[in-house]
């Protein structure tokens, strides 16, 4: 009898300590939190895809405090998700915009811009390019 009580007590303790046990099955389902839904870039351009064989590229960009991307353009759609820090982007005649951790963006296409980390921590961005084979995801430009 003592052995049975010990076994029951151990099972109850395990059920309380294990987060999945004793919960409604719906509590274990994934949740979806929208980050961005848009058909235009940050400066209001319609999103268009390049012709040719599709090539999706995902990278994590890290910019140290005080660092800059340099003036550049994207000929392909670029979705960015701010993982850490704040990035201020100068779009010239279209103004500036600051993106912060947790925000998503559709970057300007074929429009010169320069990102700057004015903060004290590295900026980290998940960048997903919806490009095409043979077309660079970004190119430096003189400004």
C-alpha atoms as a PDB file:
ATOM      1  CA  UNK A   1       0.000   0.000   0.000  1.00  0.00           C
ATOM      2  CA  UNK A   2       2.834   2.392   0.848  1.00  0.00           C
ATOM      3  CA  UNK A   3       4.429   1.689  -2.519  1.00  0.00           C
ATOM      4  CA  UNK A   4       1.145   2.530  -4.312  1.00  0.00           C
ATOM      5  CA  UNK A   5       0.762   5.814  -2.383  1.00  0.00           C
ATOM      6  CA  UNK A   6       4.348   6.751  -3.208  1.00  0.00           C
ATOM      7  CA  UNK A   7       3.732   6.023  -6.884  1.00  0.00           C
ATOM      8  CA  UNK A   8       0.527   8.127  -6.921  1.00  0.00           C
ATOM      9  CA  UNK A   9       2.262  11.005  -5.117  1.00  0.00           C
ATOM     10  CA  UNK A  10       5.163  10.890  -7.580  1.00  0.00           C
ATOM     11  CA  UNK A  11       2.746  10.970 -10.534  1.00  0.00           C
ATOM     12  CA  UNK A  12       0.897  13.980  -9.082  1.00  0.00           C
ATOM     13  CA  UNK A  13       4.133  15.857  -8.457  1.00  0.00           C
ATOM     14  CA  UNK A  14       5.313  15.105 -12.003  1.00  0.00           C
ATOM     15  CA  UNK A  15       1.988  16.325 -13.438  1.00  0.00           C
ATOM     16  CA  UNK A  16       2.294  19.606 -11.542  1.00  0.00           C
ATOM     17  CA  UNK A  17       5.953  20.139 -12.454  1.00  0.00           C
ATOM     18  CA  UNK A  18       5.695  19.193 -16.155  1.00  0.00           C
ATOM     19  CA  UNK A  19       4.205  22.191 -18.035  1.00  0.00           C
ATOM     20  CA  UNK A  20       2.376  20.113 -20.684  1.00  0.00           C
ATOM     21  CA  UNK A  21       0.686  17.685 -18.319  1.00  0.00           C
ATOM     22  CA  UNK A  22      -2.727  18.600 -17.048  1.00  0.00           C
ATOM     23  CA  UNK A  23      -3.237  21.389 -19.599  1.00  0.00           C
ATOM     24  CA  UNK A  24      -5.889  21.743 -22.237  1.00  0.00           C
ATOM     25  CA  UNK A  25      -4.549  20.581 -25.620  1.00  0.00           C
ATOM     26  CA  UNK A  26      -5.362  23.984 -27.162  1.00  0.00           C
ATOM     27  CA  UNK A  27      -2.876  25.653 -24.817  1.00  0.00           C
ATOM     28  CA  UNK A  28      -0.069  23.731 -26.551  1.00  0.00           C
ATOM     29  CA  UNK A  29      -0.908  24.913 -30.075  1.00  0.00           C
ATOM     30  CA  UNK A  30       1.292  27.511 -31.779  1.00  0.00           C
ATOM     31  CA  UNK A  31       0.151  31.120 -31.924  1.00  0.00           C
ATOM     32  CA  UNK A  32       0.541  33.435 -34.892  1.00  0.00           C
ATOM     33  CA  UNK A  33       1.462  37.074 -34.280  1.00  0.00           C
ATOM     34  CA  UNK A  34       1.443  39.137 -37.492  1.00  0.00           C
ATOM     35  CA  UNK A  35       4.550  41.230 -38.063  1.00  0.00           C
ATOM     36  CA  UNK A  36       3.722  42.898 -41.374  1.00  0.00           C
ATOM     37  CA  UNK A  37       1.164  42.723 -44.181  1.00  0.00           C
ATOM     38  CA  UNK A  38       1.724  45.140 -47.047  1.00  0.00           C
ATOM     39  CA  UNK A  39       1.761  45.521 -50.805  1.00  0.00           C
ATOM     40  CA  UNK A  40       4.047  48.579 -50.741  1.00  0.00           C
ATOM     41  CA  UNK A  41       7.567  49.397 -49.563  1.00  0.00           C
ATOM     42  CA  UNK A  42       8.327  51.744 -46.676  1.00  0.00           C
ATOM     43  CA  UNK A  43       8.332  54.706 -49.089  1.00  0.00           C
ATOM     44  CA  UNK A  44       5.047  53.735 -50.765  1.00  0.00           C
ATOM     45  CA  UNK A  45       6.300  51.899 -53.848  1.00  0.00           C
ATOM     46  CA  UNK A  46       4.278  48.903 -55.102  1.00  0.00           C
ATOM     47  CA  UNK A  47       6.176  45.662 -54.473  1.00  0.00           C
ATOM     48  CA  UNK A  48       7.247  44.043 -57.745  1.00  0.00           C
ATOM     49  CA  UNK A  49       9.232  40.866 -58.285  1.00  0.00           C
ATOM     50  CA  UNK A  50      12.114  40.499 -60.734  1.00  0.00           C
ATOM     51  CA  UNK A  51      11.720  38.271 -63.786  1.00  0.00           C
ATOM     52  CA  UNK A  52      13.662  35.031 -63.939  1.00  0.00           C
ATOM     53  CA  UNK A  53      14.274  32.039 -61.704  1.00  0.00           C
ATOM     54  CA  UNK A  54      13.341  32.879 -58.125  1.00  0.00           C
ATOM     55  CA  UNK A  55      16.024  32.858 -55.454  1.00  0.00           C
ATOM     56  CA  UNK A  56      15.154  33.532 -51.813  1.00  0.00           C
ATOM     57  CA  UNK A  57      18.017  34.536 -49.529  1.00  0.00           C
ATOM     58  CA  UNK A  58      17.774  34.954 -45.746  1.00  0.00           C
ATOM     59  CA  UNK A  59      20.623  36.561 -43.782  1.00  0.00           C
ATOM     60  CA  UNK A  60      21.197  38.124 -40.379  1.00  0.00           C
ATOM     61  CA  UNK A  61      22.839  41.536 -40.714  1.00  0.00           C
ATOM     62  CA  UNK A  62      24.755  42.891 -37.704  1.00  0.00           C
ATOM     63  CA  UNK A  63      25.716  46.572 -37.525  1.00  0.00           C
ATOM     64  CA  UNK A  64      27.904  47.658 -34.593  1.00  0.00           C
ATOM     65  CA  UNK A  65      27.186  50.849 -32.637  1.00  0.00           C
ATOM     66  CA  UNK A  66      28.192  53.800 -34.821  1.00  0.00           C
ATOM     67  CA  UNK A  67      28.208  51.613 -37.947  1.00  0.00           C
ATOM     68  CA  UNK A  68      26.513  52.361 -41.276  1.00  0.00           C
ATOM     69  CA  UNK A  69      25.367  50.258 -44.212  1.00  0.00           C
ATOM     70  CA  UNK A  70      26.612  52.792 -46.742  1.00  0.00           C
ATOM     71  CA  UNK A  71      24.368  54.120 -49.498  1.00  0.00           C
ATOM     72  CA  UNK A  72      22.862  51.280 -51.480  1.00  0.00           C
ATOM     73  CA  UNK A  73      19.793  50.091 -53.423  1.00  0.00           C
ATOM     74  CA  UNK A  74      17.822  46.862 -53.653  1.00  0.00           C
ATOM     75  CA  UNK A  75      16.485  45.728 -57.031  1.00  0.00           C
ATOM     76  CA  UNK A  76      14.507  42.944 -55.328  1.00  0.00           C
ATOM     77  CA  UNK A  77      11.884  42.920 -52.549  1.00  0.00           C
ATOM     78  CA  UNK A  78      13.427  42.819 -49.076  1.00  0.00           C
ATOM     79  CA  UNK A  79      11.523  41.999 -45.902  1.00  0.00           C
ATOM     80  CA  UNK A  80      13.405  42.896 -42.733  1.00  0.00           C
ATOM     81  CA  UNK A  81      12.685  41.950 -39.137  1.00  0.00           C
ATOM     82  CA  UNK A  82      14.480  43.859 -36.397  1.00  0.00           C
ATOM     83  CA  UNK A  83      15.948  41.342 -33.971  1.00  0.00           C
ATOM     84  CA  UNK A  84      17.888  43.801 -31.785  1.00  0.00           C
ATOM     85  CA  UNK A  85      18.593  47.496 -31.452  1.00  0.00           C
ATOM     86  CA  UNK A  86      17.362  50.469 -33.480  1.00  0.00           C
ATOM     87  CA  UNK A  87      18.338  51.355 -37.037  1.00  0.00           C
ATOM     88  CA  UNK A  88      17.814  54.801 -38.532  1.00  0.00           C
ATOM     89  CA  UNK A  89      17.563  54.752 -42.325  1.00  0.00           C
ATOM     90  CA  UNK A  90      18.055  57.891 -44.431  1.00  0.00           C
ATOM     91  CA  UNK A  91      15.974  57.786 -47.628  1.00  0.00           C
ATOM     92  CA  UNK A  92      17.188  61.172 -48.883  1.00  0.00           C
ATOM     93  CA  UNK A  93      14.236  63.159 -50.272  1.00  0.00           C
ATOM     94  CA  UNK A  94      11.833  60.580 -48.767  1.00  0.00           C
ATOM     95  CA  UNK A  95      13.003  61.344 -45.196  1.00  0.00           C
ATOM     96  CA  UNK A  96      14.306  59.079 -42.439  1.00  0.00           C
ATOM     97  CA  UNK A  97      12.727  56.264 -40.488  1.00  0.00           C
ATOM     98  CA  UNK A  98      13.877  54.480 -37.332  1.00  0.00           C
ATOM     99  CA  UNK A  99      13.136  50.762 -36.994  1.00  0.00           C
ATOM    100  CA  UNK A 100      13.207  49.134 -33.556  1.00  0.00           C
ATOM    101  CA  UNK A 101      13.499  45.606 -32.214  1.00  0.00           C
ATOM    102  CA  UNK A 102      10.371  43.571 -32.980  1.00  0.00           C
ATOM    103  CA  UNK A 103       9.334  45.624 -36.036  1.00  0.00           C
ATOM    104  CA  UNK A 104       9.036  44.363 -39.595  1.00  0.00           C
ATOM    105  CA  UNK A 105       9.558  46.378 -42.771  1.00  0.00           C
ATOM    106  CA  UNK A 106       9.434  46.160 -46.565  1.00  0.00           C
ATOM    107  CA  UNK A 107      12.517  48.037 -47.683  1.00  0.00           C
ATOM    108  CA  UNK A 108      12.568  50.566 -50.526  1.00  0.00           C
ATOM    109  CA  UNK A 109      13.393  49.194 -53.986  1.00  0.00           C
ATOM    110  CA  UNK A 110      15.712  50.960 -56.428  1.00  0.00           C
ATOM    111  CA  UNK A 111      15.855  53.937 -54.059  1.00  0.00           C
ATOM    112  CA  UNK A 112      19.178  54.965 -52.449  1.00  0.00           C
ATOM    113  CA  UNK A 113      19.236  54.692 -48.667  1.00  0.00           C
ATOM    114  CA  UNK A 114      21.744  54.418 -45.826  1.00  0.00           C
ATOM    115  CA  UNK A 115      21.176  52.692 -42.473  1.00  0.00           C
ATOM    116  CA  UNK A 116      22.879  53.940 -39.314  1.00  0.00           C
ATOM    117  CA  UNK A 117      23.184  52.440 -35.847  1.00  0.00           C
ATOM    118  CA  UNK A 118      23.051  55.471 -33.548  1.00  0.00           C
ATOM    119  CA  UNK A 119      22.593  53.304 -30.455  1.00  0.00           C
ATOM    120  CA  UNK A 120      24.920  51.624 -27.967  1.00  0.00           C
ATOM    121  CA  UNK A 121      24.141  47.972 -28.830  1.00  0.00           C
ATOM    122  CA  UNK A 122      24.638  46.109 -32.103  1.00  0.00           C
ATOM    123  CA  UNK A 123      21.700  46.182 -34.511  1.00  0.00           C
ATOM    124  CA  UNK A 124      20.666  42.726 -35.739  1.00  0.00           C
ATOM    125  CA  UNK A 125      18.253  42.371 -38.654  1.00  0.00           C
ATOM    126  CA  UNK A 126      16.825  39.240 -40.254  1.00  0.00           C
ATOM    127  CA  UNK A 127      16.745  40.172 -43.959  1.00  0.00           C
ATOM    128  CA  UNK A 128      14.790  38.009 -46.421  1.00  0.00           C
ATOM    129  CA  UNK A 129      15.314  38.859 -50.089  1.00  0.00           C
ATOM    130  CA  UNK A 130      12.714  37.637 -52.628  1.00  0.00           C
ATOM    131  CA  UNK A 131      15.150  37.846 -55.515  1.00  0.00           C
ATOM    132  CA  UNK A 132      16.082  36.116 -58.732  1.00  0.00           C
ATOM    133  CA  UNK A 133      19.197  34.281 -59.846  1.00  0.00           C
ATOM    134  CA  UNK A 134      21.738  36.674 -61.311  1.00  0.00           C
ATOM    135  CA  UNK A 135      20.238  39.805 -59.720  1.00  0.00           C
ATOM    136  CA  UNK A 136      22.190  41.206 -56.730  1.00  0.00           C
ATOM    137  CA  UNK A 137      20.185  41.621 -53.509  1.00  0.00           C
ATOM    138  CA  UNK A 138      21.921  44.951 -52.841  1.00  0.00           C
ATOM    139  CA  UNK A 139      24.319  47.216 -54.699  1.00  0.00           C
ATOM    140  CA  UNK A 140      26.357  50.151 -53.409  1.00  0.00           C
ATOM    141  CA  UNK A 141      25.616  53.545 -54.951  1.00  0.00           C
ATOM    142  CA  UNK A 142      27.344  56.934 -54.838  1.00  0.00           C
ATOM    143  CA  UNK A 143      25.481  59.598 -52.953  1.00  0.00           C
END
